[in-house]
């Protein structure tokens, strides 16, 4: 799976398309990164539960071949 945090949007889209990782895995990586730097106080509102639900829905759409342009990008 590698470092999902350092991917460009183009690389993340390509990885999702190839099945290298899921939208849920990508979301979890970004949530973990956010939690690791919380002390920087960079976010006004954190919504990890919503993010994980939306990523799961994206994974389901991807399984059905219903892929949008930015499908699965956190």
PDB file of N, CA and C in Angstrom:
ATOM      1  N   UNK A   1       0.817  -1.182   0.000  1.00  0.00           N
ATOM      2  CA  UNK A   1       0.000   0.000   0.000  1.00  0.00           C
ATOM      3  C   UNK A   1       0.860   1.244   0.000  1.00  0.00           C
ATOM      4  N   UNK A   2       1.943   1.246   0.718  1.00  0.00           N
ATOM      5  CA  UNK A   2       2.869   2.372   0.672  1.00  0.00           C
ATOM      6  C   UNK A   2       2.372   3.581   1.440  1.00  0.00           C
ATOM      7  N   UNK A   3       2.988   4.723   1.153  1.00  0.00           N
ATOM      8  CA  UNK A   3       2.657   5.974   1.819  1.00  0.00           C
ATOM      9  C   UNK A   3       1.495   6.652   1.099  1.00  0.00           C
ATOM     10  N   UNK A   4       0.314   6.524   1.644  1.00  0.00           N
ATOM     11  CA  UNK A   4      -0.867   7.101   1.010  1.00  0.00           C
ATOM     12  C   UNK A   4      -0.973   8.596   1.248  1.00  0.00           C
ATOM     13  N   UNK A   5      -0.281   9.106   2.232  1.00  0.00           N
ATOM     14  CA  UNK A   5      -0.345  10.529   2.561  1.00  0.00           C
ATOM     15  C   UNK A   5       0.402  11.369   1.539  1.00  0.00           C
ATOM     16  N   UNK A   6       1.485  10.861   0.997  1.00  0.00           N
ATOM     17  CA  UNK A   6       2.324  11.638   0.093  1.00  0.00           C
ATOM     18  C   UNK A   6       1.877  11.612  -1.361  1.00  0.00           C
ATOM     19  N   UNK A   7       0.759  10.964  -1.655  1.00  0.00           N
ATOM     20  CA  UNK A   7       0.306  10.861  -3.039  1.00  0.00           C
ATOM     21  C   UNK A   7      -0.286  12.166  -3.531  1.00  0.00           C
ATOM     22  N   UNK A   8      -0.068  12.473  -4.795  1.00  0.00           N
ATOM     23  CA  UNK A   8      -0.796  13.562  -5.419  1.00  0.00           C
ATOM     24  C   UNK A   8      -2.216  13.072  -5.676  1.00  0.00           C
ATOM     25  N   UNK A   9      -3.114  13.977  -6.006  1.00  0.00           N
ATOM     26  CA  UNK A   9      -4.489  13.559  -6.327  1.00  0.00           C
ATOM     27  C   UNK A   9      -4.469  12.636  -7.534  1.00  0.00           C
ATOM     28  N   UNK A  10      -3.646  12.941  -8.518  1.00  0.00           N
ATOM     29  CA  UNK A  10      -3.549  12.094  -9.712  1.00  0.00           C
ATOM     30  C   UNK A  10      -3.078  10.686  -9.345  1.00  0.00           C
ATOM     31  N   UNK A  11      -2.072  10.590  -8.473  1.00  0.00           N
ATOM     32  CA  UNK A  11      -1.565   9.284  -8.051  1.00  0.00           C
ATOM     33  C   UNK A  11      -2.616   8.529  -7.229  1.00  0.00           C
ATOM     34  N   UNK A  12      -3.331   9.250  -6.375  1.00  0.00           N
ATOM     35  CA  UNK A  12      -4.368   8.610  -5.565  1.00  0.00           C
ATOM     36  C   UNK A  12      -5.484   8.078  -6.461  1.00  0.00           C
ATOM     37  N   UNK A  13      -5.904   8.860  -7.447  1.00  0.00           N
ATOM     38  CA  UNK A  13      -6.941   8.403  -8.385  1.00  0.00           C
ATOM     39  C   UNK A  13      -6.472   7.156  -9.136  1.00  0.00           C
ATOM     40  N   UNK A  14      -5.224   7.167  -9.582  1.00  0.00           N
ATOM     41  CA  UNK A  14      -4.687   6.018 -10.315  1.00  0.00           C
ATOM     42  C   UNK A  14      -4.634   4.786  -9.422  1.00  0.00           C
ATOM     43  N   UNK A  15      -4.204   4.946  -8.176  1.00  0.00           N
ATOM     44  CA  UNK A  15      -4.149   3.828  -7.241  1.00  0.00           C
ATOM     45  C   UNK A  15      -5.511   3.256  -6.940  1.00  0.00           C
ATOM     46  N   UNK A  16      -6.502   4.132  -6.796  1.00  0.00           N
ATOM     47  CA  UNK A  16      -7.876   3.671  -6.588  1.00  0.00           C
ATOM     48  C   UNK A  16      -8.369   2.919  -7.815  1.00  0.00           C
ATOM     49  N   UNK A  17      -8.092   3.463  -9.002  1.00  0.00           N
ATOM     50  CA  UNK A  17      -8.523   2.810 -10.249  1.00  0.00           C
ATOM     51  C   UNK A  17      -7.903   1.425 -10.410  1.00  0.00           C
ATOM     52  N   UNK A  18      -6.627   1.289 -10.025  1.00  0.00           N
ATOM     53  CA  UNK A  18      -5.933  -0.003 -10.160  1.00  0.00           C
ATOM     54  C   UNK A  18      -6.279  -0.967  -9.038  1.00  0.00           C
ATOM     55  N   UNK A  19      -6.896  -0.464  -7.993  1.00  0.00           N
ATOM     56  CA  UNK A  19      -7.222  -1.325  -6.861  1.00  0.00           C
ATOM     57  C   UNK A  19      -6.058  -1.528  -5.905  1.00  0.00           C
ATOM     58  N   UNK A  20      -5.068  -0.635  -5.959  1.00  0.00           N
ATOM     59  CA  UNK A  20      -3.927  -0.730  -5.051  1.00  0.00           C
ATOM     60  C   UNK A  20      -4.347  -0.500  -3.602  1.00  0.00           C
ATOM     61  N   UNK A  21      -5.393   0.274  -3.405  1.00  0.00           N
ATOM     62  CA  UNK A  21      -5.954   0.570  -2.090  1.00  0.00           C
ATOM     63  C   UNK A  21      -7.392   1.025  -2.303  1.00  0.00           C
ATOM     64  N   UNK A  22      -8.145   1.074  -1.220  1.00  0.00           N
ATOM     65  CA  UNK A  22      -9.544   1.499  -1.289  1.00  0.00           C
ATOM     66  C   UNK A  22      -9.665   2.944  -0.808  1.00  0.00           C
ATOM     67  N   UNK A  23     -10.813   3.528  -1.058  1.00  0.00           N
ATOM     68  CA  UNK A  23     -11.090   4.873  -0.549  1.00  0.00           C
ATOM     69  C   UNK A  23     -11.075   4.865   0.973  1.00  0.00           C
ATOM     70  N   UNK A  24     -11.540   3.772   1.559  1.00  0.00           N
ATOM     71  CA  UNK A  24     -11.534   3.661   3.019  1.00  0.00           C
ATOM     72  C   UNK A  24     -10.108   3.645   3.563  1.00  0.00           C
ATOM     73  N   UNK A  25      -9.234   2.904   2.920  1.00  0.00           N
ATOM     74  CA  UNK A  25      -7.834   2.877   3.358  1.00  0.00           C
ATOM     75  C   UNK A  25      -7.186   4.247   3.202  1.00  0.00           C
ATOM     76  N   UNK A  26      -7.500   4.928   2.126  1.00  0.00           N
ATOM     77  CA  UNK A  26      -6.962   6.263   1.892  1.00  0.00           C
ATOM     78  C   UNK A  26      -7.472   7.230   2.960  1.00  0.00           C
ATOM     79  N   UNK A  27      -8.752   7.142   3.275  1.00  0.00           N
ATOM     80  CA  UNK A  27      -9.339   8.002   4.309  1.00  0.00           C
ATOM     81  C   UNK A  27      -8.718   7.723   5.677  1.00  0.00           C
ATOM     82  N   UNK A  28      -8.552   6.457   6.022  1.00  0.00           N
ATOM     83  CA  UNK A  28      -7.951   6.088   7.309  1.00  0.00           C
ATOM     84  C   UNK A  28      -6.539   6.650   7.421  1.00  0.00           C
ATOM     85  N   UNK A  29      -5.777   6.567   6.353  1.00  0.00           N
ATOM     86  CA  UNK A  29      -4.406   7.106   6.362  1.00  0.00           C
ATOM     87  C   UNK A  29      -4.422   8.605   6.630  1.00  0.00           C
ATOM     88  N   UNK A  30      -5.334   9.320   5.996  1.00  0.00           N
ATOM     89  CA  UNK A  30      -5.393  10.769   6.187  1.00  0.00           C
ATOM     90  C   UNK A  30      -5.925  11.135   7.573  1.00  0.00           C
ATOM     91  N   UNK A  31      -6.884  10.373   8.076  1.00  0.00           N
ATOM     92  CA  UNK A  31      -7.386  10.613   9.430  1.00  0.00           C
ATOM     93  C   UNK A  31      -6.271  10.379  10.443  1.00  0.00           C
ATOM     94  N   UNK A  32      -5.504   9.320  10.265  1.00  0.00           N
ATOM     95  CA  UNK A  32      -4.387   9.031  11.180  1.00  0.00           C
ATOM     96  C   UNK A  32      -3.352  10.149  11.143  1.00  0.00           C
ATOM     97  N   UNK A  33      -3.074  10.652   9.957  1.00  0.00           N
ATOM     98  CA  UNK A  33      -2.124  11.762   9.827  1.00  0.00           C
ATOM     99  C   UNK A  33      -2.665  12.999  10.543  1.00  0.00           C
ATOM    100  N   UNK A  34      -3.933  13.275  10.367  1.00  0.00           N
ATOM    101  CA  UNK A  34      -4.557  14.423  11.016  1.00  0.00           C
ATOM    102  C   UNK A  34      -4.457  14.294  12.539  1.00  0.00           C
ATOM    103  N   UNK A  35      -4.742  13.109  13.040  1.00  0.00           N
ATOM    104  CA  UNK A  35      -4.669  12.884  14.482  1.00  0.00           C
ATOM    105  C   UNK A  35      -3.245  13.070  14.999  1.00  0.00           C
ATOM    106  N   UNK A  36      -2.271  12.703  14.181  1.00  0.00           N
ATOM    107  CA  UNK A  36      -0.869  12.812  14.586  1.00  0.00           C
ATOM    108  C   UNK A  36      -0.354  14.239  14.678  1.00  0.00           C
ATOM    109  N   UNK A  37      -1.037  15.157  14.011  1.00  0.00           N
ATOM    110  CA  UNK A  37      -0.588  16.563  14.039  1.00  0.00           C
ATOM    111  C   UNK A  37      -1.667  17.482  14.620  1.00  0.00           C
ATOM    112  N   UNK A  38      -2.561  16.915  15.393  1.00  0.00           N
ATOM    113  CA  UNK A  38      -3.647  17.693  15.998  1.00  0.00           C
ATOM    114  C   UNK A  38      -3.113  18.884  16.787  1.00  0.00           C
ATOM    115  N   UNK A  39      -1.963  18.732  17.400  1.00  0.00           N
ATOM    116  CA  UNK A  39      -1.399  19.814  18.218  1.00  0.00           C
ATOM    117  C   UNK A  39      -1.115  21.083  17.405  1.00  0.00           C
ATOM    118  N   UNK A  40      -1.066  20.973  16.087  1.00  0.00           N
ATOM    119  CA  UNK A  40      -0.856  22.155  15.244  1.00  0.00           C
ATOM    120  C   UNK A  40      -2.113  23.022  15.156  1.00  0.00           C
ATOM    121  N   UNK A  41      -3.246  22.459  15.575  1.00  0.00           N
ATOM    122  CA  UNK A  41      -4.514  23.184  15.587  1.00  0.00           C
ATOM    123  C   UNK A  41      -4.859  23.743  14.204  1.00  0.00           C
ATOM    124  N   UNK A  42      -4.802  22.876  13.191  1.00  0.00           N
ATOM    125  CA  UNK A  42      -5.005  23.276  11.794  1.00  0.00           C
ATOM    126  C   UNK A  42      -6.448  23.174  11.328  1.00  0.00           C
ATOM    127  N   UNK A  43      -7.286  22.463  12.042  1.00  0.00           N
ATOM    128  CA  UNK A  43      -8.637  22.197  11.568  1.00  0.00           C
ATOM    129  C   UNK A  43      -9.661  22.853  12.468  1.00  0.00           C
ATOM    130  N   UNK A  44     -10.688  23.390  11.861  1.00  0.00           N
ATOM    131  CA  UNK A  44     -11.789  23.976  12.621  1.00  0.00           C
ATOM    132  C   UNK A  44     -12.733  22.872  13.072  1.00  0.00           C
ATOM    133  N   UNK A  45     -13.060  21.968  12.158  1.00  0.00           N
ATOM    134  CA  UNK A  45     -13.978  20.874  12.452  1.00  0.00           C
ATOM    135  C   UNK A  45     -13.406  19.574  11.914  1.00  0.00           C
ATOM    136  N   UNK A  46     -13.374  18.555  12.747  1.00  0.00           N
ATOM    137  CA  UNK A  46     -12.929  17.223  12.329  1.00  0.00           C
ATOM    138  C   UNK A  46     -14.165  16.331  12.203  1.00  0.00           C
ATOM    139  N   UNK A  47     -14.247  15.602  11.100  1.00  0.00           N
ATOM    140  CA  UNK A  47     -15.404  14.734  10.867  1.00  0.00           C
ATOM    141  C   UNK A  47     -14.961  13.345  10.410  1.00  0.00           C
ATOM    142  N   UNK A  48     -14.163  12.645  11.222  1.00  0.00           N
ATOM    143  CA  UNK A  48     -13.666  11.335  10.781  1.00  0.00           C
ATOM    144  C   UNK A  48     -14.767  10.308  10.550  1.00  0.00           C
ATOM    145  N   UNK A  49     -15.832  10.323  11.353  1.00  0.00           N
ATOM    146  CA  UNK A  49     -16.911   9.347  11.175  1.00  0.00           C
ATOM    147  C   UNK A  49     -17.588   9.550   9.822  1.00  0.00           C
ATOM    148  N   UNK A  50     -17.866  10.800   9.507  1.00  0.00           N
ATOM    149  CA  UNK A  50     -18.485  11.125   8.221  1.00  0.00           C
ATOM    150  C   UNK A  50     -17.553  10.757   7.066  1.00  0.00           C
ATOM    151  N   UNK A  51     -16.277  11.046   7.231  1.00  0.00           N
ATOM    152  CA  UNK A  51     -15.288  10.737   6.205  1.00  0.00           C
ATOM    153  C   UNK A  51     -15.251   9.240   5.924  1.00  0.00           C
ATOM    154  N   UNK A  52     -15.255   8.430   6.977  1.00  0.00           N
ATOM    155  CA  UNK A  52     -15.215   6.978   6.801  1.00  0.00           C
ATOM    156  C   UNK A  52     -16.493   6.460   6.146  1.00  0.00           C
ATOM    157  N   UNK A  53     -17.629   7.032   6.489  1.00  0.00           N
ATOM    158  CA  UNK A  53     -18.896   6.624   5.872  1.00  0.00           C
ATOM    159  C   UNK A  53     -18.903   6.968   4.382  1.00  0.00           C
ATOM    160  N   UNK A  54     -18.461   8.169   4.051  1.00  0.00           N
ATOM    161  CA  UNK A  54     -18.411   8.572   2.641  1.00  0.00           C
ATOM    162  C   UNK A  54     -17.410   7.724   1.859  1.00  0.00           C
ATOM    163  N   UNK A  55     -16.289   7.377   2.477  1.00  0.00           N
ATOM    164  CA  UNK A  55     -15.302   6.527   1.808  1.00  0.00           C
ATOM    165  C   UNK A  55     -15.878   5.136   1.550  1.00  0.00           C
ATOM    166  N   UNK A  56     -16.609   4.616   2.520  1.00  0.00           N
ATOM    167  CA  UNK A  56     -17.248   3.303   2.351  1.00  0.00           C
ATOM    168  C   UNK A  56     -18.261   3.339   1.206  1.00  0.00           C
ATOM    169  N   UNK A  57     -19.037   4.407   1.137  1.00  0.00           N
ATOM    170  CA  UNK A  57     -19.997   4.557   0.046  1.00  0.00           C
ATOM    171  C   UNK A  57     -19.269   4.644  -1.296  1.00  0.00           C
ATOM    172  N   UNK A  58     -18.150   5.332  -1.317  1.00  0.00           N
ATOM    173  CA  UNK A  58     -17.352   5.445  -2.536  1.00  0.00           C
ATOM    174  C   UNK A  58     -16.837   4.072  -2.967  1.00  0.00           C
ATOM    175  N   UNK A  59     -16.374   3.280  -2.005  1.00  0.00           N
ATOM    176  CA  UNK A  59     -15.897   1.929  -2.316  1.00  0.00           C
ATOM    177  C   UNK A  59     -17.015   1.091  -2.944  1.00  0.00           C
ATOM    178  N   UNK A  60     -18.224   1.226  -2.418  1.00  0.00           N
ATOM    179  CA  UNK A  60     -19.370   0.483  -2.967  1.00  0.00           C
ATOM    180  C   UNK A  60     -19.681   0.932  -4.396  1.00  0.00           C
ATOM    181  N   UNK A  61     -19.655   2.247  -4.636  1.00  0.00           N
ATOM    182  CA  UNK A  61     -19.897   2.735  -6.001  1.00  0.00           C
ATOM    183  C   UNK A  61     -18.817   2.235  -6.945  1.00  0.00           C
ATOM    184  N   UNK A  62     -17.572   2.223  -6.481  1.00  0.00           N
ATOM    185  CA  UNK A  62     -16.464   1.756  -7.320  1.00  0.00           C
ATOM    186  C   UNK A  62     -16.673   0.290  -7.701  1.00  0.00           C
ATOM    187  N   UNK A  63     -17.147  -0.530  -6.770  1.00  0.00           N
ATOM    188  CA  UNK A  63     -17.411  -1.946  -7.060  1.00  0.00           C
ATOM    189  C   UNK A  63     -18.460  -2.107  -8.156  1.00  0.00           C
ATOM    190  N   UNK A  64     -19.392  -1.145  -8.232  1.00  0.00           N
ATOM    191  CA  UNK A  64     -20.460  -1.182  -9.227  1.00  0.00           C
ATOM    192  C   UNK A  64     -20.046  -0.512 -10.534  1.00  0.00           C
ATOM    193  N   UNK A  65     -18.835   0.041 -10.571  1.00  0.00           N
ATOM    194  CA  UNK A  65     -18.367   0.739 -11.772  1.00  0.00           C
ATOM    195  C   UNK A  65     -18.918   2.137 -11.914  1.00  0.00           C
ATOM    196  N   UNK A  66     -19.427   2.690 -10.822  1.00  0.00           N
ATOM    197  CA  UNK A  66     -19.999   4.034 -10.828  1.00  0.00           C
ATOM    198  C   UNK A  66     -18.967   5.019 -10.274  1.00  0.00           C
ATOM    199  N   UNK A  67     -17.954   5.301 -11.070  1.00  0.00           N
ATOM    200  CA  UNK A  67     -16.822   6.084 -10.609  1.00  0.00           C
ATOM    201  C   UNK A  67     -16.891   7.505 -11.151  1.00  0.00           C
ATOM    202  N   UNK A  68     -16.903   8.482 -10.231  1.00  0.00           N
ATOM    203  CA  UNK A  68     -16.846   9.888 -10.618  1.00  0.00           C
ATOM    204  C   UNK A  68     -15.401  10.329 -10.773  1.00  0.00           C
ATOM    205  N   UNK A  69     -15.220  11.554 -11.218  1.00  0.00           N
ATOM    206  CA  UNK A  69     -13.880  12.089 -11.485  1.00  0.00           C
ATOM    207  C   UNK A  69     -12.991  12.071 -10.250  1.00  0.00           C
ATOM    208  N   UNK A  70     -13.521  12.490  -9.116  1.00  0.00           N
ATOM    209  CA  UNK A  70     -12.728  12.550  -7.886  1.00  0.00           C
ATOM    210  C   UNK A  70     -13.194  11.496  -6.877  1.00  0.00           C
ATOM    211  N   UNK A  71     -13.755  10.426  -7.376  1.00  0.00           N
ATOM    212  CA  UNK A  71     -14.316   9.375  -6.528  1.00  0.00           C
ATOM    213  C   UNK A  71     -13.274   8.805  -5.576  1.00  0.00           C
ATOM    214  N   UNK A  72     -13.534   8.922  -4.275  1.00  0.00           N
ATOM    215  CA  UNK A  72     -12.677   8.317  -3.263  1.00  0.00           C
ATOM    216  C   UNK A  72     -11.563   9.200  -2.744  1.00  0.00           C
ATOM    217  N   UNK A  73     -11.451  10.410  -3.267  1.00  0.00           N
ATOM    218  CA  UNK A  73     -10.392  11.319  -2.801  1.00  0.00           C
ATOM    219  C   UNK A  73     -10.869  12.029  -1.537  1.00  0.00           C
ATOM    220  N   UNK A  74     -10.099  11.916  -0.439  1.00  0.00           N
ATOM    221  CA  UNK A  74     -10.542  12.583   0.795  1.00  0.00           C
ATOM    222  C   UNK A  74     -10.447  14.093   0.701  1.00  0.00           C
TER     223      UNK A  74
END
